[in-house]
Amino acid sequence: MAIHVLLTVLLAVGPAEKSKLAVLSLTSAGDVEPAVARSLTDLVTAEVDARGYFDPISSSEIETMLGAERQRQLLGCGEDSTSCLTELTGALGAGFMLTGSLAKVGGVFQLNLQVVDTRNARTLGRSSKLARDFESLRLQVPYAVAEACGTPLPAPPSRVLPYTMIGVGAGALIGGGVLGIVALNNESLVRGELAADDMNPNVQLNYAQSYRDKLSSAATQKIVALTALIAGAVLVGVGIWLIPPEAPQPGQKVGLVLTGNGLALVGTLP
């Protein structure tokens, strides 16, 4: 009876309202242009919204609600930062705030994110990702957002389609190669018989139409073999191109990069 009552209560209450998460603009450092940081901020906001655990408030919405000058005042105060964050999230009606930075050190991009629970004055989660180029960094944004928000990591991308294409393509390559060898062998036998001397007792010539049919069949086999080889190569190439990259490992948060003065350790220790 108690279980039925509990289920009834849960159904009556319905799904809980998602908490609001204020996404502040990423600060740029090193060789990163502010426009690049803004574009990545938009990508982070979209990922927070797509995951569905929080209701994000974008940086542009924050600027519209508070005004650019007031936002700078609240984010720039250093003596009482906790009070400033509380005032900022209170004005936005958000209990959580996502902040971060995007830097480029020694040709390597580094994205740092953290989510703060301002009501309880504690950090919900942190994430630091490294990438050799901007496109690779974009692919790591879903994992960075999941780690910073303290939510489950995204499911690894499926490799069924590319592996299937590679398997079918490999089969087509093998089949086309075998058929091509058979066709060339049959054509060689026919032309060998036709080129044999009439006085050779080991060669018994047939009707001319029989040889024409054999040569036509060999030509058809070569066309089919060539088509299979081309199709197989295309399938294997597209399958390899479609293989998704490996999911970033949460523990890989530090790395050595080459700088003008030697080596630098970037990232954060797990």
C-alpha atoms as a PDB file:
ATOM      1  CA  MET A   1       0.000   0.000   0.000  1.00  0.00           C
ATOM      2  CA  ALA A   2       2.830   2.411   0.850  1.00  0.00           C
ATOM      3  CA  ILE A   3       4.419   1.833  -2.563  1.00  0.00           C
ATOM      4  CA  HIS A   4       1.142   2.616  -4.351  1.00  0.00           C
ATOM      5  CA  VAL A   5       0.756   5.800  -2.322  1.00  0.00           C
ATOM      6  CA  LEU A   6       4.316   6.859  -3.156  1.00  0.00           C
ATOM      7  CA  LEU A   7       3.782   6.251  -6.862  1.00  0.00           C
ATOM      8  CA  THR A   8       0.549   8.216  -6.757  1.00  0.00           C
ATOM      9  CA  VAL A   9       2.303  11.145  -5.113  1.00  0.00           C
ATOM     10  CA  LEU A  10       5.145  11.087  -7.647  1.00  0.00           C
ATOM     11  CA  LEU A  11       2.727  11.013 -10.560  1.00  0.00           C
ATOM     12  CA  ALA A  12       0.743  13.854  -9.074  1.00  0.00           C
ATOM     13  CA  VAL A  13       3.797  16.007  -8.584  1.00  0.00           C
ATOM     14  CA  GLY A  14       5.086  15.396 -12.119  1.00  0.00           C
ATOM     15  CA  PRO A  15       8.558  16.132 -13.449  1.00  0.00           C
ATOM     16  CA  ALA A  16      10.612  18.608 -11.457  1.00  0.00           C
ATOM     17  CA  GLU A  17      11.378  21.980 -12.995  1.00  0.00           C
ATOM     18  CA  LYS A  18      14.905  22.247 -14.307  1.00  0.00           C
ATOM     19  CA  SER A  19      17.297  24.511 -12.442  1.00  0.00           C
ATOM     20  CA  LYS A  20      18.483  27.610 -14.239  1.00  0.00           C
ATOM     21  CA  LEU A  21      22.147  27.791 -15.172  1.00  0.00           C
ATOM     22  CA  ALA A  22      23.669  31.152 -16.091  1.00  0.00           C
ATOM     23  CA  VAL A  23      26.331  30.683 -18.796  1.00  0.00           C
ATOM     24  CA  LEU A  24      28.819  33.547 -18.665  1.00  0.00           C
ATOM     25  CA  SER A  25      31.040  34.452 -21.607  1.00  0.00           C
ATOM     26  CA  LEU A  26      34.284  32.531 -21.737  1.00  0.00           C
ATOM     27  CA  THR A  27      37.318  34.706 -21.131  1.00  0.00           C
ATOM     28  CA  SER A  28      39.995  34.537 -23.823  1.00  0.00           C
ATOM     29  CA  ALA A  29      43.731  34.333 -23.187  1.00  0.00           C
ATOM     30  CA  GLY A  30      46.903  33.779 -25.180  1.00  0.00           C
ATOM     31  CA  ASP A  31      46.397  33.876 -28.940  1.00  0.00           C
ATOM     32  CA  VAL A  32      42.608  33.373 -28.761  1.00  0.00           C
ATOM     33  CA  GLU A  33      40.498  36.075 -30.381  1.00  0.00           C
ATOM     34  CA  PRO A  34      37.433  37.252 -28.383  1.00  0.00           C
ATOM     35  CA  ALA A  35      35.197  36.264 -31.317  1.00  0.00           C
ATOM     36  CA  VAL A  36      36.449  32.668 -31.062  1.00  0.00           C
ATOM     37  CA  ALA A  37      35.687  32.608 -27.330  1.00  0.00           C
ATOM     38  CA  ARG A  38      32.184  33.963 -28.010  1.00  0.00           C
ATOM     39  CA  SER A  39      31.486  31.273 -30.606  1.00  0.00           C
ATOM     40  CA  LEU A  40      32.592  28.568 -28.177  1.00  0.00           C
ATOM     41  CA  THR A  41      30.431  30.144 -25.460  1.00  0.00           C
ATOM     42  CA  ASP A  42      27.414  29.761 -27.759  1.00  0.00           C
ATOM     43  CA  LEU A  43      28.373  26.133 -28.385  1.00  0.00           C
ATOM     44  CA  VAL A  44      28.638  25.461 -24.642  1.00  0.00           C
ATOM     45  CA  THR A  45      25.226  27.055 -24.070  1.00  0.00           C
ATOM     46  CA  ALA A  46      23.663  24.952 -26.817  1.00  0.00           C
ATOM     47  CA  GLU A  47      25.184  21.792 -25.325  1.00  0.00           C
ATOM     48  CA  VAL A  48      23.835  22.616 -21.850  1.00  0.00           C
ATOM     49  CA  ASP A  49      20.382  23.073 -23.369  1.00  0.00           C
ATOM     50  CA  ALA A  50      20.615  19.892 -25.472  1.00  0.00           C
ATOM     51  CA  ARG A  51      21.577  17.703 -22.504  1.00  0.00           C
ATOM     52  CA  GLY A  52      18.411  18.749 -20.689  1.00  0.00           C
ATOM     53  CA  TYR A  53      19.664  18.762 -17.096  1.00  0.00           C
ATOM     54  CA  PHE A  54      19.649  22.561 -16.752  1.00  0.00           C
ATOM     55  CA  ASP A  55      17.722  25.463 -18.247  1.00  0.00           C
ATOM     56  CA  PRO A  56      20.536  27.705 -19.538  1.00  0.00           C
ATOM     57  CA  ILE A  57      20.551  31.488 -19.595  1.00  0.00           C
ATOM     58  CA  SER A  58      22.897  32.558 -22.387  1.00  0.00           C
ATOM     59  CA  SER A  59      25.477  35.311 -22.060  1.00  0.00           C
ATOM     60  CA  SER A  60      23.544  37.487 -24.512  1.00  0.00           C
ATOM     61  CA  GLU A  61      20.384  37.075 -22.420  1.00  0.00           C
ATOM     62  CA  ILE A  62      22.351  38.001 -19.290  1.00  0.00           C
ATOM     63  CA  GLU A  63      23.640  41.143 -20.953  1.00  0.00           C
ATOM     64  CA  THR A  64      20.116  42.045 -22.063  1.00  0.00           C
ATOM     65  CA  MET A  65      18.652  41.455 -18.599  1.00  0.00           C
ATOM     66  CA  LEU A  66      21.368  43.233 -16.610  1.00  0.00           C
ATOM     67  CA  GLY A  67      23.029  45.520 -19.108  1.00  0.00           C
ATOM     68  CA  ALA A  68      26.665  45.270 -20.145  1.00  0.00           C
ATOM     69  CA  GLU A  69      27.924  47.800 -17.592  1.00  0.00           C
ATOM     70  CA  ARG A  70      26.150  46.214 -14.617  1.00  0.00           C
ATOM     71  CA  GLN A  71      27.387  42.781 -15.683  1.00  0.00           C
ATOM     72  CA  ARG A  72      30.983  44.030 -15.786  1.00  0.00           C
ATOM     73  CA  GLN A  73      30.582  45.563 -12.339  1.00  0.00           C
ATOM     74  CA  LEU A  74      29.321  42.345 -10.811  1.00  0.00           C
ATOM     75  CA  LEU A  75      31.946  40.166 -12.498  1.00  0.00           C
ATOM     76  CA  GLY A  76      34.802  42.560 -11.873  1.00  0.00           C
ATOM     77  CA  CYS A  77      34.512  42.990  -8.111  1.00  0.00           C
ATOM     78  CA  GLY A  78      37.311  41.143  -6.414  1.00  0.00           C
ATOM     79  CA  GLU A  79      37.031  41.972  -2.720  1.00  0.00           C
ATOM     80  CA  ASP A  80      33.803  40.111  -2.172  1.00  0.00           C
ATOM     81  CA  SER A  81      33.418  37.791  -5.145  1.00  0.00           C
ATOM     82  CA  THR A  82      30.990  35.461  -3.359  1.00  0.00           C
ATOM     83  CA  SER A  83      28.645  38.350  -2.671  1.00  0.00           C
ATOM     84  CA  CYS A  84      28.921  39.475  -6.291  1.00  0.00           C
ATOM     85  CA  LEU A  85      28.100  36.011  -7.634  1.00  0.00           C
ATOM     86  CA  THR A  86      25.147  35.742  -5.259  1.00  0.00           C
ATOM     87  CA  GLU A  87      23.850  39.136  -6.374  1.00  0.00           C
ATOM     88  CA  LEU A  88      24.331  38.251 -10.028  1.00  0.00           C
ATOM     89  CA  THR A  89      22.572  34.875  -9.845  1.00  0.00           C
ATOM     90  CA  GLY A  90      19.875  36.394  -7.666  1.00  0.00           C
ATOM     91  CA  ALA A  91      19.168  39.034 -10.298  1.00  0.00           C
ATOM     92  CA  LEU A  92      18.968  36.321 -12.957  1.00  0.00           C
ATOM     93  CA  GLY A  93      16.955  33.865 -10.871  1.00  0.00           C
ATOM     94  CA  ALA A  94      19.604  31.184 -11.445  1.00  0.00           C
ATOM     95  CA  GLY A  95      20.999  28.979  -8.718  1.00  0.00           C
ATOM     96  CA  PHE A  96      23.955  27.797 -10.796  1.00  0.00           C
ATOM     97  CA  MET A  97      26.575  29.622 -12.835  1.00  0.00           C
ATOM     98  CA  LEU A  98      28.954  28.315 -15.512  1.00  0.00           C
ATOM     99  CA  THR A  99      32.201  30.198 -16.010  1.00  0.00           C
ATOM    100  CA  GLY A 100      35.298  29.331 -17.979  1.00  0.00           C
ATOM    101  CA  SER A 101      38.179  30.371 -20.149  1.00  0.00           C
ATOM    102  CA  LEU A 102      39.638  29.546 -23.552  1.00  0.00           C
ATOM    103  CA  ALA A 103      43.401  29.865 -24.008  1.00  0.00           C
ATOM    104  CA  LYS A 104      45.974  28.918 -26.608  1.00  0.00           C
ATOM    105  CA  VAL A 105      49.417  27.985 -25.303  1.00  0.00           C
ATOM    106  CA  GLY A 106      52.172  26.759 -27.595  1.00  0.00           C
ATOM    107  CA  GLY A 107      49.705  26.017 -30.400  1.00  0.00           C
ATOM    108  CA  VAL A 108      47.420  23.971 -28.118  1.00  0.00           C
ATOM    109  CA  PHE A 109      43.900  25.050 -27.170  1.00  0.00           C
ATOM    110  CA  GLN A 110      42.838  24.681 -23.539  1.00  0.00           C
ATOM    111  CA  LEU A 111      39.206  24.936 -22.451  1.00  0.00           C
ATOM    112  CA  ASN A 112      38.435  25.297 -18.740  1.00  0.00           C
ATOM    113  CA  LEU A 113      34.873  25.130 -17.398  1.00  0.00           C
ATOM    114  CA  GLN A 114      33.414  25.123 -13.919  1.00  0.00           C
ATOM    115  CA  VAL A 115      29.890  25.243 -12.532  1.00  0.00           C
ATOM    116  CA  VAL A 116      29.237  26.909  -9.184  1.00  0.00           C
ATOM    117  CA  ASP A 117      26.254  26.322  -6.936  1.00  0.00           C
ATOM    118  CA  THR A 118      25.978  29.867  -5.612  1.00  0.00           C
ATOM    119  CA  ARG A 119      23.233  29.093  -3.090  1.00  0.00           C
ATOM    120  CA  ASN A 120      25.422  26.571  -1.281  1.00  0.00           C
ATOM    121  CA  ALA A 121      28.718  28.328  -2.127  1.00  0.00           C
ATOM    122  CA  ARG A 122      30.340  25.214  -3.614  1.00  0.00           C
ATOM    123  CA  THR A 123      31.727  24.070  -6.949  1.00  0.00           C
ATOM    124  CA  LEU A 124      29.539  21.529  -8.691  1.00  0.00           C
ATOM    125  CA  GLY A 125      32.185  20.349 -11.145  1.00  0.00           C
ATOM    126  CA  ARG A 126      35.252  21.294 -13.170  1.00  0.00           C
ATOM    127  CA  SER A 127      36.627  20.286 -16.547  1.00  0.00           C
ATOM    128  CA  SER A 128      39.773  21.029 -18.536  1.00  0.00           C
ATOM    129  CA  LYS A 129      40.254  19.900 -22.132  1.00  0.00           C
ATOM    130  CA  LEU A 130      43.231  20.154 -24.466  1.00  0.00           C
ATOM    131  CA  ALA A 131      43.241  19.993 -28.266  1.00  0.00           C
ATOM    132  CA  ARG A 132      45.697  20.610 -31.088  1.00  0.00           C
ATOM    133  CA  ASP A 133      43.146  22.478 -33.206  1.00  0.00           C
ATOM    134  CA  PHE A 134      39.832  24.253 -32.710  1.00  0.00           C
ATOM    135  CA  GLU A 135      37.744  21.607 -34.470  1.00  0.00           C
ATOM    136  CA  SER A 136      39.064  18.890 -32.148  1.00  0.00           C
ATOM    137  CA  LEU A 137      38.249  21.122 -29.192  1.00  0.00           C
ATOM    138  CA  ARG A 138      34.673  21.540 -30.445  1.00  0.00           C
ATOM    139  CA  LEU A 139      34.248  17.755 -30.390  1.00  0.00           C
ATOM    140  CA  GLN A 140      35.228  17.704 -26.707  1.00  0.00           C
ATOM    141  CA  VAL A 141      32.666  20.322 -25.638  1.00  0.00           C
ATOM    142  CA  PRO A 142      29.918  17.746 -24.801  1.00  0.00           C
ATOM    143  CA  TYR A 143      32.304  15.917 -22.457  1.00  0.00           C
ATOM    144  CA  ALA A 144      33.567  19.164 -20.898  1.00  0.00           C
ATOM    145  CA  VAL A 145      30.005  20.344 -20.227  1.00  0.00           C
ATOM    146  CA  ALA A 146      29.035  16.969 -18.725  1.00  0.00           C
ATOM    147  CA  GLU A 147      32.031  16.972 -16.369  1.00  0.00           C
ATOM    148  CA  ALA A 148      31.570  20.607 -15.306  1.00  0.00           C
ATOM    149  CA  CYS A 149      27.842  20.132 -14.679  1.00  0.00           C
ATOM    150  CA  GLY A 150      28.373  16.873 -12.786  1.00  0.00           C
ATOM    151  CA  THR A 151      26.105  14.972 -15.201  1.00  0.00           C
ATOM    152  CA  PRO A 152      26.654  11.621 -16.993  1.00  0.00           C
ATOM    153  CA  LEU A 153      29.047  11.634 -19.936  1.00  0.00           C
ATOM    154  CA  PRO A 154      27.522  11.412 -23.424  1.00  0.00           C
ATOM    155  CA  ALA A 155      27.161   7.960 -24.918  1.00  0.00           C
ATOM    156  CA  PRO A 156      30.073   7.053 -27.230  1.00  0.00           C
ATOM    157  CA  PRO A 157      29.243   7.579 -30.918  1.00  0.00           C
ATOM    158  CA  SER A 158      28.096   4.511 -32.851  1.00  0.00           C
ATOM    159  CA  ARG A 159      30.546   2.874 -35.225  1.00  0.00           C
ATOM    160  CA  VAL A 160      28.108   0.350 -36.726  1.00  0.00           C
ATOM    161  CA  LEU A 161      27.584   2.197 -40.024  1.00  0.00           C
ATOM    162  CA  PRO A 162      31.252   2.933 -40.844  1.00  0.00           C
ATOM    163  CA  TYR A 163      32.386  -0.556 -39.861  1.00  0.00           C
ATOM    164  CA  THR A 164      29.584  -2.082 -41.951  1.00  0.00           C
ATOM    165  CA  MET A 165      30.615   0.025 -44.944  1.00  0.00           C
ATOM    166  CA  ILE A 166      34.246  -1.001 -44.491  1.00  0.00           C
ATOM    167  CA  GLY A 167      33.261  -4.687 -44.272  1.00  0.00           C
ATOM    168  CA  VAL A 168      31.042  -4.554 -47.363  1.00  0.00           C
ATOM    169  CA  GLY A 169      33.684  -2.586 -49.242  1.00  0.00           C
ATOM    170  CA  ALA A 170      36.393  -5.083 -48.333  1.00  0.00           C
ATOM    171  CA  GLY A 171      34.160  -7.909 -49.541  1.00  0.00           C
ATOM    172  CA  ALA A 172      33.577  -6.079 -52.827  1.00  0.00           C
ATOM    173  CA  LEU A 173      37.324  -5.561 -53.259  1.00  0.00           C
ATOM    174  CA  ILE A 174      38.055  -9.240 -52.671  1.00  0.00           C
ATOM    175  CA  GLY A 175      35.210 -10.397 -54.918  1.00  0.00           C
ATOM    176  CA  GLY A 176      36.136  -7.953 -57.663  1.00  0.00           C
ATOM    177  CA  GLY A 177      39.782  -8.997 -57.507  1.00  0.00           C
ATOM    178  CA  VAL A 178      38.952 -12.705 -57.737  1.00  0.00           C
ATOM    179  CA  LEU A 179      36.486 -12.158 -60.615  1.00  0.00           C
ATOM    180  CA  GLY A 180      39.017 -10.018 -62.467  1.00  0.00           C
ATOM    181  CA  ILE A 181      41.680 -12.725 -62.182  1.00  0.00           C
ATOM    182  CA  VAL A 182      39.207 -15.346 -63.470  1.00  0.00           C
ATOM    183  CA  ALA A 183      38.201 -13.106 -66.382  1.00  0.00           C
ATOM    184  CA  LEU A 184      41.810 -12.420 -67.392  1.00  0.00           C
ATOM    185  CA  ASN A 185      42.627 -16.132 -67.142  1.00  0.00           C
ATOM    186  CA  ASN A 186      39.639 -17.126 -69.332  1.00  0.00           C
ATOM    187  CA  GLU A 187      40.529 -14.465 -71.902  1.00  0.00           C
ATOM    188  CA  SER A 188      44.137 -15.645 -71.953  1.00  0.00           C
ATOM    189  CA  LEU A 189      43.065 -19.259 -72.555  1.00  0.00           C
ATOM    190  CA  VAL A 190      40.802 -18.282 -75.449  1.00  0.00           C
ATOM    191  CA  ARG A 191      43.412 -16.100 -77.113  1.00  0.00           C
ATOM    192  CA  GLY A 192      46.005 -18.842 -76.559  1.00  0.00           C
ATOM    193  CA  GLU A 193      43.848 -21.343 -78.427  1.00  0.00           C
ATOM    194  CA  LEU A 194      43.219 -18.913 -81.266  1.00  0.00           C
ATOM    195  CA  ALA A 195      46.922 -18.145 -81.600  1.00  0.00           C
ATOM    196  CA  ALA A 196      47.948 -21.812 -81.656  1.00  0.00           C
ATOM    197  CA  ASP A 197      49.246 -23.278 -84.846  1.00  0.00           C
ATOM    198  CA  ASP A 198      46.720 -25.361 -86.802  1.00  0.00           C
ATOM    199  CA  MET A 199      49.250 -28.186 -86.995  1.00  0.00           C
ATOM    200  CA  ASN A 200      49.514 -28.421 -83.198  1.00  0.00           C
ATOM    201  CA  PRO A 201      47.875 -31.727 -82.272  1.00  0.00           C
ATOM    202  CA  ASN A 202      47.203 -30.584 -78.699  1.00  0.00           C
ATOM    203  CA  VAL A 203      44.814 -27.830 -79.780  1.00  0.00           C
ATOM    204  CA  GLN A 204      41.303 -28.652 -80.944  1.00  0.00           C
ATOM    205  CA  LEU A 205      39.688 -25.526 -82.429  1.00  0.00           C
ATOM    206  CA  ASN A 206      35.913 -25.051 -82.011  1.00  0.00           C
ATOM    207  CA  TYR A 207      33.450 -22.956 -83.945  1.00  0.00           C
ATOM    208  CA  ALA A 208      34.250 -19.243 -84.213  1.00  0.00           C
ATOM    209  CA  GLN A 209      31.015 -18.276 -82.408  1.00  0.00           C
ATOM    210  CA  SER A 210      32.107 -20.282 -79.381  1.00  0.00           C
ATOM    211  CA  TYR A 211      35.258 -18.189 -79.051  1.00  0.00           C
ATOM    212  CA  ARG A 212      33.333 -14.955 -79.568  1.00  0.00           C
ATOM    213  CA  ASP A 213      30.957 -15.946 -76.759  1.00  0.00           C
ATOM    214  CA  LYS A 214      33.850 -16.747 -74.428  1.00  0.00           C
ATOM    215  CA  LEU A 215      35.579 -13.436 -75.160  1.00  0.00           C
ATOM    216  CA  SER A 216      32.304 -11.536 -74.631  1.00  0.00           C
ATOM    217  CA  SER A 217      31.759 -13.318 -71.309  1.00  0.00           C
ATOM    218  CA  ALA A 218      35.324 -12.472 -70.196  1.00  0.00           C
ATOM    219  CA  ALA A 219      34.802  -8.814 -71.139  1.00  0.00           C
ATOM    220  CA  THR A 220      31.582  -8.702 -69.101  1.00  0.00           C
ATOM    221  CA  GLN A 221      33.375 -10.274 -66.133  1.00  0.00           C
ATOM    222  CA  LYS A 222      36.131  -7.644 -66.342  1.00  0.00           C
ATOM    223  CA  ILE A 223      33.555  -4.822 -66.325  1.00  0.00           C
ATOM    224  CA  VAL A 224      31.776  -6.318 -63.319  1.00  0.00           C
ATOM    225  CA  ALA A 225      35.112  -6.854 -61.535  1.00  0.00           C
ATOM    226  CA  LEU A 226      36.224  -3.262 -62.200  1.00  0.00           C
ATOM    227  CA  THR A 227      32.877  -1.927 -60.957  1.00  0.00           C
ATOM    228  CA  ALA A 228      33.151  -4.022 -57.781  1.00  0.00           C
ATOM    229  CA  LEU A 229      36.714  -2.806 -57.169  1.00  0.00           C
ATOM    230  CA  ILE A 230      35.723   0.861 -57.566  1.00  0.00           C
ATOM    231  CA  ALA A 231      32.611   0.479 -55.397  1.00  0.00           C
ATOM    232  CA  GLY A 232      34.582  -1.397 -52.740  1.00  0.00           C
ATOM    233  CA  ALA A 233      37.289   1.252 -52.636  1.00  0.00           C
ATOM    234  CA  VAL A 234      34.675   4.002 -52.292  1.00  0.00           C
ATOM    235  CA  LEU A 235      32.862   2.154 -49.486  1.00  0.00           C
ATOM    236  CA  VAL A 236      36.080   1.523 -47.565  1.00  0.00           C
ATOM    237  CA  GLY A 237      37.202   5.139 -47.969  1.00  0.00           C
ATOM    238  CA  VAL A 238      33.854   6.603 -46.874  1.00  0.00           C
ATOM    239  CA  GLY A 239      33.646   4.141 -43.974  1.00  0.00           C
ATOM    240  CA  ILE A 240      37.086   5.145 -42.711  1.00  0.00           C
ATOM    241  CA  TRP A 241      36.166   8.821 -43.070  1.00  0.00           C
ATOM    242  CA  LEU A 242      32.931   8.287 -41.086  1.00  0.00           C
ATOM    243  CA  ILE A 243      34.627   6.573 -38.127  1.00  0.00           C
ATOM    244  CA  PRO A 244      34.007   8.935 -35.189  1.00  0.00           C
ATOM    245  CA  PRO A 245      36.954   9.979 -33.027  1.00  0.00           C
ATOM    246  CA  GLU A 246      37.587   8.317 -29.719  1.00  0.00           C
ATOM    247  CA  ALA A 247      35.697   9.847 -26.804  1.00  0.00           C
ATOM    248  CA  PRO A 248      37.975  11.963 -24.594  1.00  0.00           C
ATOM    249  CA  GLN A 249      38.886  10.272 -21.338  1.00  0.00           C
ATOM    250  CA  PRO A 250      37.859  12.258 -18.236  1.00  0.00           C
ATOM    251  CA  GLY A 251      41.162  11.602 -16.517  1.00  0.00           C
ATOM    252  CA  GLN A 252      43.303  13.139 -19.244  1.00  0.00           C
ATOM    253  CA  LYS A 253      43.468  16.707 -17.992  1.00  0.00           C
ATOM    254  CA  VAL A 254      47.151  17.564 -18.228  1.00  0.00           C
ATOM    255  CA  GLY A 255      49.684  17.560 -21.006  1.00  0.00           C
ATOM    256  CA  LEU A 256      53.099  18.770 -22.111  1.00  0.00           C
ATOM    257  CA  VAL A 257      53.224  21.301 -24.943  1.00  0.00           C
ATOM    258  CA  LEU A 258      56.202  22.785 -26.754  1.00  0.00           C
ATOM    259  CA  THR A 259      56.742  26.508 -26.160  1.00  0.00           C
ATOM    260  CA  GLY A 260      59.371  29.008 -27.200  1.00  0.00           C
ATOM    261  CA  ASN A 261      61.263  28.469 -23.945  1.00  0.00           C
ATOM    262  CA  GLY A 262      60.976  24.702 -23.748  1.00  0.00           C
ATOM    263  CA  LEU A 263      58.138  22.531 -22.405  1.00  0.00           C
ATOM    264  CA  ALA A 264      55.101  23.689 -20.441  1.00  0.00           C
ATOM    265  CA  LEU A 265      52.628  21.654 -18.387  1.00  0.00           C
ATOM    266  CA  VAL A 266      49.081  22.783 -19.125  1.00  0.00           C
ATOM    267  CA  GLY A 267      45.772  21.543 -17.742  1.00  0.00           C
ATOM    268  CA  THR A 268      44.695  20.568 -14.259  1.00  0.00           C
ATOM    269  CA  LEU A 269      45.498  17.533 -12.167  1.00  0.00           C
ATOM    270  CA  PRO A 270      42.562  15.108 -11.714  1.00  0.00           C
END
